PDB file of N, CA and C in Angstrom:
ATOM      1  N   MET A   1      27.560  -1.099 -20.910  1.00  0.00           N
ATOM      2  CA  MET A   1      27.409  -1.636 -19.554  1.00  0.00           C
ATOM      3  C   MET A   1      26.165  -2.302 -19.272  1.00  0.00           C
ATOM      4  N   ALA A   2      26.286  -3.385 -18.687  1.00  0.00           N
ATOM      5  CA  ALA A   2      25.186  -4.431 -18.274  1.00  0.00           C
ATOM      6  C   ALA A   2      24.325  -3.699 -17.294  1.00  0.00           C
ATOM      7  N   VAL A   3      22.980  -4.111 -17.412  1.00  0.00           N
ATOM      8  CA  VAL A   3      21.810  -3.658 -16.767  1.00  0.00           C
ATOM      9  C   VAL A   3      22.110  -4.422 -15.369  1.00  0.00           C
ATOM     10  N   SER A   4      21.973  -3.838 -14.260  1.00  0.00           N
ATOM     11  CA  SER A   4      22.180  -4.379 -12.994  1.00  0.00           C
ATOM     12  C   SER A   4      20.811  -4.827 -12.476  1.00  0.00           C
ATOM     13  N   SER A   5      20.834  -6.095 -11.529  1.00  0.00           N
ATOM     14  CA  SER A   5      19.402  -6.654 -11.268  1.00  0.00           C
ATOM     15  C   SER A   5      18.930  -5.435 -10.160  1.00  0.00           C
ATOM     16  N   PRO A   6      17.412  -5.455 -10.239  1.00  0.00           N
ATOM     17  CA  PRO A   6      16.940  -4.424  -9.453  1.00  0.00           C
ATOM     18  C   PRO A   6      16.723  -5.072  -7.977  1.00  0.00           C
ATOM     19  N   CYS A   7      17.177  -6.356  -7.753  1.00  0.00           N
ATOM     20  CA  CYS A   7      16.969  -7.180  -6.494  1.00  0.00           C
ATOM     21  C   CYS A   7      17.505  -6.360  -5.558  1.00  0.00           C
ATOM     22  N   ILE A   8      16.850  -6.327  -4.412  1.00  0.00           N
ATOM     23  CA  ILE A   8      17.235  -5.670  -3.100  1.00  0.00           C
ATOM     24  C   ILE A   8      17.751  -6.762  -1.972  1.00  0.00           C
ATOM     25  N   GLY A   9      17.457  -7.949  -2.200  1.00  0.00           N
ATOM     26  CA  GLY A   9      17.708  -9.034  -1.268  1.00  0.00           C
ATOM     27  C   GLY A   9      16.517  -9.472  -0.182  1.00  0.00           C
ATOM     28  N   ILE A  10      15.377  -8.634  -0.544  1.00  0.00           N
ATOM     29  CA  ILE A  10      14.040  -8.922   0.217  1.00  0.00           C
ATOM     30  C   ILE A  10      12.944  -9.540  -0.771  1.00  0.00           C
ATOM     31  N   CYS A  11      13.370 -11.192  -0.895  1.00  0.00           N
ATOM     32  CA  CYS A  11      12.828 -12.010  -1.727  1.00  0.00           C
ATOM     33  C   CYS A  11      11.506 -12.558  -1.334  1.00  0.00           C
ATOM     34  N   GLU A  12      10.420 -11.577  -1.153  1.00  0.00           N
ATOM     35  CA  GLU A  12       9.078 -12.125  -0.671  1.00  0.00           C
ATOM     36  C   GLU A  12       7.975 -12.066  -1.825  1.00  0.00           C
ATOM     37  N   LEU A  13       7.261 -13.221  -2.124  1.00  0.00           N
ATOM     38  CA  LEU A  13       6.399 -12.970  -3.122  1.00  0.00           C
ATOM     39  C   LEU A  13       5.171 -12.877  -2.531  1.00  0.00           C
ATOM     40  N   ASP A  14       4.436 -11.926  -3.238  1.00  0.00           N
ATOM     41  CA  ASP A  14       2.998 -11.744  -2.988  1.00  0.00           C
ATOM     42  C   ASP A  14       2.200 -12.775  -3.827  1.00  0.00           C
ATOM     43  N   SER A  15       1.739 -13.981  -2.940  1.00  0.00           N
ATOM     44  CA  SER A  15       0.941 -14.878  -3.608  1.00  0.00           C
ATOM     45  C   SER A  15      -0.072 -14.488  -4.541  1.00  0.00           C
ATOM     46  N   GLU A  16      -1.066 -13.560  -4.142  1.00  0.00           N
ATOM     47  CA  GLU A  16      -2.114 -13.015  -5.020  1.00  0.00           C
ATOM     48  C   GLU A  16      -1.883 -12.661  -6.317  1.00  0.00           C
ATOM     49  N   LYS A  17      -0.550 -11.429  -6.522  1.00  0.00           N
ATOM     50  CA  LYS A  17      -0.192 -11.083  -7.560  1.00  0.00           C
ATOM     51  C   LYS A  17       1.180 -11.575  -8.297  1.00  0.00           C
ATOM     52  N   GLN A  18       1.683 -12.538  -7.751  1.00  0.00           N
ATOM     53  CA  GLN A  18       2.909 -13.129  -8.104  1.00  0.00           C
ATOM     54  C   GLN A  18       4.033 -12.044  -8.296  1.00  0.00           C
ATOM     55  N   VAL A  19       4.061 -11.030  -7.303  1.00  0.00           N
ATOM     56  CA  VAL A  19       5.152 -10.012  -7.366  1.00  0.00           C
ATOM     57  C   VAL A  19       5.923 -10.008  -6.314  1.00  0.00           C
ATOM     58  N   CYS A  20       7.134  -9.885  -6.379  1.00  0.00           N
ATOM     59  CA  CYS A  20       8.200  -9.689  -5.352  1.00  0.00           C
ATOM     60  C   CYS A  20       7.987  -8.448  -4.628  1.00  0.00           C
ATOM     61  N   THR A  21       7.961  -8.529  -3.357  1.00  0.00           N
ATOM     62  CA  THR A  21       7.628  -7.063  -2.425  1.00  0.00           C
ATOM     63  C   THR A  21       8.920  -6.470  -2.194  1.00  0.00           C
ATOM     64  N   GLY A  22      10.097  -7.048  -2.606  1.00  0.00           N
ATOM     65  CA  GLY A  22      11.186  -6.361  -2.593  1.00  0.00           C
ATOM     66  C   GLY A  22      11.426  -5.447  -3.824  1.00  0.00           C
ATOM     67  N   CYS A  23      11.480  -6.308  -4.938  1.00  0.00           N
ATOM     68  CA  CYS A  23      11.854  -5.565  -6.294  1.00  0.00           C
ATOM     69  C   CYS A  23      10.957  -5.054  -7.061  1.00  0.00           C
ATOM     70  N   PHE A  24       9.583  -5.579  -6.822  1.00  0.00           N
ATOM     71  CA  PHE A  24       8.239  -5.714  -7.545  1.00  0.00           C
ATOM     72  C   PHE A  24       8.366  -6.034  -9.097  1.00  0.00           C
ATOM     73  N   ARG A  25       9.369  -7.054  -9.022  1.00  0.00           N
ATOM     74  CA  ARG A  25       9.119  -7.918 -10.367  1.00  0.00           C
ATOM     75  C   ARG A  25       8.158  -8.746 -10.476  1.00  0.00           C
ATOM     76  N   HIS A  26       7.659  -9.138 -11.538  1.00  0.00           N
ATOM     77  CA  HIS A  26       6.878 -10.214 -11.764  1.00  0.00           C
ATOM     78  C   HIS A  26       7.442 -11.639 -11.458  1.00  0.00           C
ATOM     79  N   ILE A  27       7.008 -12.700 -11.014  1.00  0.00           N
ATOM     80  CA  ILE A  27       7.475 -14.070 -10.941  1.00  0.00           C
ATOM     81  C   ILE A  27       8.016 -14.636 -12.383  1.00  0.00           C
ATOM     82  N   ASP A  28       7.719 -14.099 -13.281  1.00  0.00           N
ATOM     83  CA  ASP A  28       7.791 -14.459 -14.814  1.00  0.00           C
ATOM     84  C   ASP A  28       9.187 -13.685 -15.268  1.00  0.00           C
ATOM     85  N   GLU A  29       9.120 -12.252 -14.735  1.00  0.00           N
ATOM     86  CA  GLU A  29      10.337 -11.563 -15.137  1.00  0.00           C
ATOM     87  C   GLU A  29      11.506 -11.952 -14.409  1.00  0.00           C
ATOM     88  N   ILE A  30      11.248 -12.343 -13.032  1.00  0.00           N
ATOM     89  CA  ILE A  30      12.372 -12.775 -12.423  1.00  0.00           C
ATOM     90  C   ILE A  30      13.294 -13.867 -12.710  1.00  0.00           C
ATOM     91  N   GLY A  31      12.182 -14.766 -13.414  1.00  0.00           N
ATOM     92  CA  GLY A  31      12.672 -16.028 -13.894  1.00  0.00           C
ATOM     93  C   GLY A  31      13.375 -15.686 -15.290  1.00  0.00           C
ATOM     94  N   ALA A  32      12.727 -14.595 -15.928  1.00  0.00           N
ATOM     95  CA  ALA A  32      13.464 -14.523 -17.324  1.00  0.00           C
ATOM     96  C   ALA A  32      14.661 -13.390 -17.486  1.00  0.00           C
ATOM     97  N   TRP A  33      15.132 -12.875 -16.285  1.00  0.00           N
ATOM     98  CA  TRP A  33      16.037 -11.894 -15.848  1.00  0.00           C
ATOM     99  C   TRP A  33      17.358 -12.509 -16.626  1.00  0.00           C
ATOM    100  N   ARG A  34      17.734 -13.610 -16.180  1.00  0.00           N
ATOM    101  CA  ARG A  34      19.188 -13.838 -16.691  1.00  0.00           C
ATOM    102  C   ARG A  34      19.525 -14.089 -18.121  1.00  0.00           C
ATOM    103  N   THR A  35      18.320 -14.143 -19.196  1.00  0.00           N
ATOM    104  CA  THR A  35      18.512 -14.539 -20.441  1.00  0.00           C
ATOM    105  C   THR A  35      17.753 -13.285 -21.077  1.00  0.00           C
ATOM    106  N   ALA A  36      17.410 -12.341 -20.370  1.00  0.00           N
ATOM    107  CA  ALA A  36      16.705 -10.856 -21.015  1.00  0.00           C
ATOM    108  C   ALA A  36      18.026 -10.325 -21.667  1.00  0.00           C
ATOM    109  N   SER A  37      17.743  -9.589 -22.644  1.00  0.00           N
ATOM    110  CA  SER A  37      18.463  -8.475 -23.418  1.00  0.00           C
ATOM    111  C   SER A  37      18.511  -7.279 -22.342  1.00  0.00           C
ATOM    112  N   ASP A  38      19.389  -6.196 -22.578  1.00  0.00           N
ATOM    113  CA  ASP A  38      19.619  -5.257 -21.743  1.00  0.00           C
ATOM    114  C   ASP A  38      18.266  -4.387 -22.136  1.00  0.00           C
ATOM    115  N   GLY A  39      17.730  -4.246 -23.319  1.00  0.00           N
ATOM    116  CA  GLY A  39      16.644  -3.495 -23.423  1.00  0.00           C
ATOM    117  C   GLY A  39      15.405  -3.981 -22.755  1.00  0.00           C
ATOM    118  N   GLN A  40      15.308  -5.424 -22.736  1.00  0.00           N
ATOM    119  CA  GLN A  40      14.159  -6.014 -22.039  1.00  0.00           C
ATOM    120  C   GLN A  40      14.347  -5.855 -20.649  1.00  0.00           C
ATOM    121  N   LYS A  41      15.627  -5.634 -20.137  1.00  0.00           N
ATOM    122  CA  LYS A  41      15.853  -5.462 -18.733  1.00  0.00           C
ATOM    123  C   LYS A  41      15.446  -4.220 -17.937  1.00  0.00           C
ATOM    124  N   LYS A  42      15.500  -3.333 -18.897  1.00  0.00           N
ATOM    125  CA  LYS A  42      15.371  -1.852 -18.708  1.00  0.00           C
ATOM    126  C   LYS A  42      13.707  -1.811 -18.662  1.00  0.00           C
ATOM    127  N   ARG A  43      12.996  -2.481 -19.570  1.00  0.00           N
ATOM    128  CA  ARG A  43      11.683  -2.410 -19.618  1.00  0.00           C
ATOM    129  C   ARG A  43      11.079  -3.094 -18.301  1.00  0.00           C
ATOM    130  N   ILE A  44      11.774  -4.132 -18.013  1.00  0.00           N
ATOM    131  CA  ILE A  44      11.187  -4.855 -16.474  1.00  0.00           C
ATOM    132  C   ILE A  44      11.111  -3.952 -15.457  1.00  0.00           C
ATOM    133  N   ILE A  45      12.543  -3.326 -15.674  1.00  0.00           N
ATOM    134  CA  ILE A  45      12.858  -2.102 -14.225  1.00  0.00           C
ATOM    135  C   ILE A  45      11.692  -1.271 -14.287  1.00  0.00           C
ATOM    136  N   GLN A  46      11.445  -0.558 -15.464  1.00  0.00           N
ATOM    137  CA  GLN A  46      10.422   0.189 -15.494  1.00  0.00           C
ATOM    138  C   GLN A  46       9.014  -0.017 -15.186  1.00  0.00           C
ATOM    139  N   GLN A  47       8.581  -1.277 -15.702  1.00  0.00           N
ATOM    140  CA  GLN A  47       7.656  -2.012 -15.107  1.00  0.00           C
ATOM    141  C   GLN A  47       7.376  -2.261 -13.543  1.00  0.00           C
ATOM    142  N   ALA A  48       8.420  -2.654 -13.162  1.00  0.00           N
ATOM    143  CA  ALA A  48       8.769  -2.980 -11.677  1.00  0.00           C
ATOM    144  C   ALA A  48       8.380  -1.494 -10.788  1.00  0.00           C
ATOM    145  N   ARG A  49       9.071  -0.404 -11.225  1.00  0.00           N
ATOM    146  CA  ARG A  49       8.825   0.958 -10.561  1.00  0.00           C
ATOM    147  C   ARG A  49       7.427   1.223 -10.786  1.00  0.00           C
ATOM    148  N   THR A  50       6.539   1.094 -11.944  1.00  0.00           N
ATOM    149  CA  THR A  50       5.425   1.487 -12.056  1.00  0.00           C
ATOM    150  C   THR A  50       4.537   0.688 -10.964  1.00  0.00           C
ATOM    151  N   ARG A  51       4.814  -0.881 -10.924  1.00  0.00           N
ATOM    152  CA  ARG A  51       4.025  -1.688  -9.939  1.00  0.00           C
ATOM    153  C   ARG A  51       4.342  -1.087  -8.406  1.00  0.00           C
ATOM    154  N   LYS A  52       5.584  -0.573  -8.057  1.00  0.00           N
ATOM    155  CA  LYS A  52       5.758  -0.159  -6.740  1.00  0.00           C
ATOM    156  C   LYS A  52       4.913   0.999  -6.590  1.00  0.00           C
ATOM    157  N   LYS A  53       4.817   1.833  -7.233  1.00  0.00           N
ATOM    158  CA  LYS A  53       3.709   3.101  -7.160  1.00  0.00           C
ATOM    159  C   LYS A  53       2.387   2.283  -6.816  1.00  0.00           C
ATOM    160  N   GLN A  54       1.985   1.785  -7.623  1.00  0.00           N
ATOM    161  CA  GLN A  54       0.544   1.154  -7.323  1.00  0.00           C
ATOM    162  C   GLN A  54       0.645   0.402  -6.109  1.00  0.00           C
ATOM    163  N   PHE A  55       1.282  -0.505  -5.502  1.00  0.00           N
ATOM    164  CA  PHE A  55       1.607  -1.224  -4.542  1.00  0.00           C
ATOM    165  C   PHE A  55       1.479   0.042  -3.245  1.00  0.00           C
ATOM    166  N   GLU A  56       2.088   1.106  -3.827  1.00  0.00           N
ATOM    167  CA  GLU A  56       2.142   2.125  -2.567  1.00  0.00           C
ATOM    168  C   GLU A  56       0.963   2.873  -2.140  1.00  0.00           C
ATOM    169  N   LYS A  57      -0.047   3.033  -3.375  1.00  0.00           N
ATOM    170  CA  LYS A  57      -1.287   3.631  -3.395  1.00  0.00           C
ATOM    171  C   LYS A  57      -2.368   2.821  -2.485  1.00  0.00           C
ATOM    172  N   ASN A  58      -2.210   1.524  -2.565  1.00  0.00           N
ATOM    173  CA  ASN A  58      -2.788   0.656  -1.865  1.00  0.00           C
ATOM    174  C   ASN A  58      -2.685   0.266  -0.405  1.00  0.00           C
TER     175      ASN A  58
END
């Protein structure tokens, strides 16, 4: 089963951190998503979850 995109349709880029404030993926991860393997996608999602927690602390 393919890994679904974490995009939630709120595509706003934090210009300082280059991270989407909707899905919390880095701009490079967003660009790489279409060609990433399922394993890479799972890592991207995990990193995005970690980023979201860091954003919520600040």
